[in-house]
Amino acid sequence: MNPRLITLPKILDPRGNLSFFESSNHIPFEIKRTYLIYDVPGGETRGGHAFRTQDEFIVALSGSFDVKIRNQNGDEFTFHLNRSYFGLYLPKMLWRHMENFSTNSVCLVASSSLYDAGDYIRDFEQFRSTPL
């Protein structure tokens, strides 16, 4: 399965806009964990791994960054996230890393599972040879 952008509901209000997402309604999994990535120094990357079973949904809460993805067939995708009403759905078994973080960017990640170090594949060649 390939990654895809999901447009979130956007409620416009002169006092400030509101967007939201709900498990199994806007994103195709139940949220078990969320985490933030922030204060990323200039030129740094985050990620550089794949997950065996975990799906993720990534939103740029503030600022912008690029998410670069490869599947096991060698197809590459790049998504530039810079609006809080768009999120990127990443199914399991996709190699990913994030780069080009703008100053003061904040990344929210919703995950389909609790943290499990054993779910990570941190070697790209191992990822390419892991059966789906």
Protein backbone atom coordinates (compact mmCIF):
# COMPACT_ATOMS: atom_id res chain seq x y z
CA MET A 1 0.00 0.00 0.00
CA ASN A 2 1.25 3.49 -0.82
CA PRO A 3 1.26 6.64 1.31
CA ARG A 4 -1.44 9.21 0.70
CA LEU A 5 -2.41 12.72 1.74
CA ILE A 6 -5.66 13.03 3.64
CA THR A 7 -7.51 16.33 3.76
CA LEU A 8 -8.83 16.95 7.26
CA PRO A 9 -12.06 18.74 8.10
CA LYS A 10 -11.50 22.50 8.26
CA ILE A 11 -13.89 24.69 10.19
CA LEU A 12 -13.38 28.32 9.25
CA ASP A 13 -13.98 30.88 11.96
CA PRO A 14 -12.93 34.54 12.17
CA ARG A 15 -11.54 33.78 15.66
CA GLY A 16 -9.25 31.10 14.20
CA ASN A 17 -9.71 27.93 12.16
CA LEU A 18 -10.06 24.42 13.54
CA SER A 19 -9.10 21.05 12.03
CA PHE A 20 -9.32 17.61 13.60
CA PHE A 21 -9.03 13.90 12.88
CA GLU A 22 -10.68 10.88 14.44
CA SER A 23 -9.63 7.23 14.63
CA SER A 24 -11.18 5.07 11.92
CA ASN A 25 -13.17 8.05 10.63
CA HIS A 26 -10.56 10.28 9.01
CA ILE A 27 -7.58 7.97 9.36
CA PRO A 28 -7.74 4.20 8.73
CA PHE A 29 -6.62 2.98 12.15
CA GLU A 30 -7.23 3.34 15.87
CA ILE A 31 -4.77 5.73 17.51
CA LYS A 32 -2.73 4.06 20.25
CA ARG A 33 0.04 6.67 20.64
CA THR A 34 0.91 10.21 19.61
CA TYR A 35 4.20 12.04 19.72
CA LEU A 36 5.73 15.35 18.65
CA ILE A 37 8.94 16.14 16.81
CA TYR A 38 10.17 19.71 17.33
CA ASP A 39 13.29 21.84 17.78
CA VAL A 40 14.98 19.97 14.92
CA PRO A 41 18.32 21.70 14.20
CA GLY A 42 18.89 22.99 10.68
CA GLY A 43 20.06 20.31 8.27
CA GLU A 44 19.06 17.39 10.49
CA THR A 45 16.86 14.48 9.42
CA ARG A 46 14.49 12.35 11.45
CA GLY A 47 13.35 8.80 10.80
CA GLY A 48 15.46 6.55 8.61
CA HIS A 49 13.50 3.38 9.32
CA ALA A 50 10.40 1.34 8.50
CA PHE A 51 7.83 -0.38 10.70
CA ARG A 52 6.79 -4.00 10.42
CA THR A 53 3.24 -3.50 11.74
CA GLN A 54 2.75 0.16 12.68
CA ASP A 55 0.79 2.66 10.59
CA GLU A 56 1.30 6.39 11.11
CA PHE A 57 -0.43 9.66 10.33
CA ILE A 58 1.79 12.77 10.18
CA VAL A 59 0.64 16.41 10.40
CA ALA A 60 2.70 19.60 10.28
CA LEU A 61 1.18 21.52 13.18
CA SER A 62 3.49 24.46 12.54
CA GLY A 63 6.06 25.24 9.86
CA SER A 64 6.98 22.75 7.19
CA PHE A 65 9.09 19.70 6.39
CA ASP A 66 9.46 17.01 3.74
CA VAL A 67 8.64 13.34 4.22
CA LYS A 68 10.60 11.08 1.86
CA ILE A 69 9.35 7.54 1.41
CA ARG A 70 10.44 4.39 -0.42
CA ASN A 71 8.48 1.19 -0.79
CA GLN A 72 10.00 -2.25 -1.29
CA ASN A 73 9.58 -1.98 -5.08
CA GLY A 74 11.93 1.01 -5.10
CA ASP A 75 9.21 3.59 -5.78
CA GLU A 76 10.00 6.94 -4.12
CA PHE A 77 7.58 9.58 -2.89
CA THR A 78 8.16 13.02 -1.41
CA PHE A 79 5.47 14.94 0.45
CA HIS A 80 5.93 18.54 1.54
CA LEU A 81 3.79 19.08 4.63
CA ASN A 82 3.05 22.71 5.49
CA ARG A 83 -0.68 22.96 6.29
CA SER A 84 -2.31 21.65 9.47
CA TYR A 85 -5.42 20.52 7.58
CA PHE A 86 -3.48 17.94 5.54
CA GLY A 87 -2.04 14.77 7.00
CA LEU A 88 0.08 12.03 5.50
CA TYR A 89 -1.02 8.45 6.01
CA LEU A 90 1.92 6.01 6.06
CA PRO A 91 1.00 2.32 6.13
CA LYS A 92 3.43 -0.23 7.52
CA MET A 93 6.49 -1.38 5.57
CA LEU A 94 7.46 1.95 4.06
CA TRP A 95 10.97 3.34 4.55
CA ARG A 96 10.73 6.96 5.66
CA HIS A 97 12.70 9.94 6.78
CA MET A 98 11.87 13.60 7.33
CA GLU A 99 14.08 16.51 6.33
CA ASN A 100 14.08 20.24 5.46
CA PHE A 101 12.45 21.29 8.73
CA SER A 102 11.62 24.99 8.81
CA THR A 103 12.44 27.05 11.88
CA ASN A 104 10.03 26.32 14.75
CA SER A 105 8.28 23.51 12.88
CA VAL A 106 6.23 21.03 14.89
CA CYS A 107 5.36 17.56 13.61
CA LEU A 108 2.54 15.53 15.17
CA VAL A 109 2.57 11.78 14.60
CA ALA A 110 -0.39 9.53 15.44
CA SER A 111 0.50 5.84 15.58
CA SER A 112 -1.51 2.64 15.36
CA SER A 113 0.51 0.96 18.11
CA LEU A 114 2.31 1.54 21.36
CA TYR A 115 6.08 1.96 21.22
CA ASP A 116 7.84 -1.31 20.39
CA ALA A 117 11.54 -1.20 19.52
CA GLY A 118 11.19 -4.62 17.87
CA ASP A 119 8.80 -3.20 15.25
CA TYR A 120 11.50 -0.94 13.77
CA ILE A 121 13.59 -1.95 10.76
CA ARG A 122 16.61 0.35 10.85
CA ASP A 123 18.69 -1.27 8.09
CA PHE A 124 17.56 -0.43 4.55
CA GLU A 125 18.81 -3.70 3.00
CA GLN A 126 16.96 -5.68 5.67
CA PHE A 127 13.83 -3.64 4.88
CA ARG A 128 14.13 -4.42 1.15
CA SER A 129 14.40 -8.16 1.84
CA THR A 130 11.65 -8.40 4.50
CA PRO A 131 8.57 -10.22 3.17
CA LEU A 132 5.35 -8.23 3.26
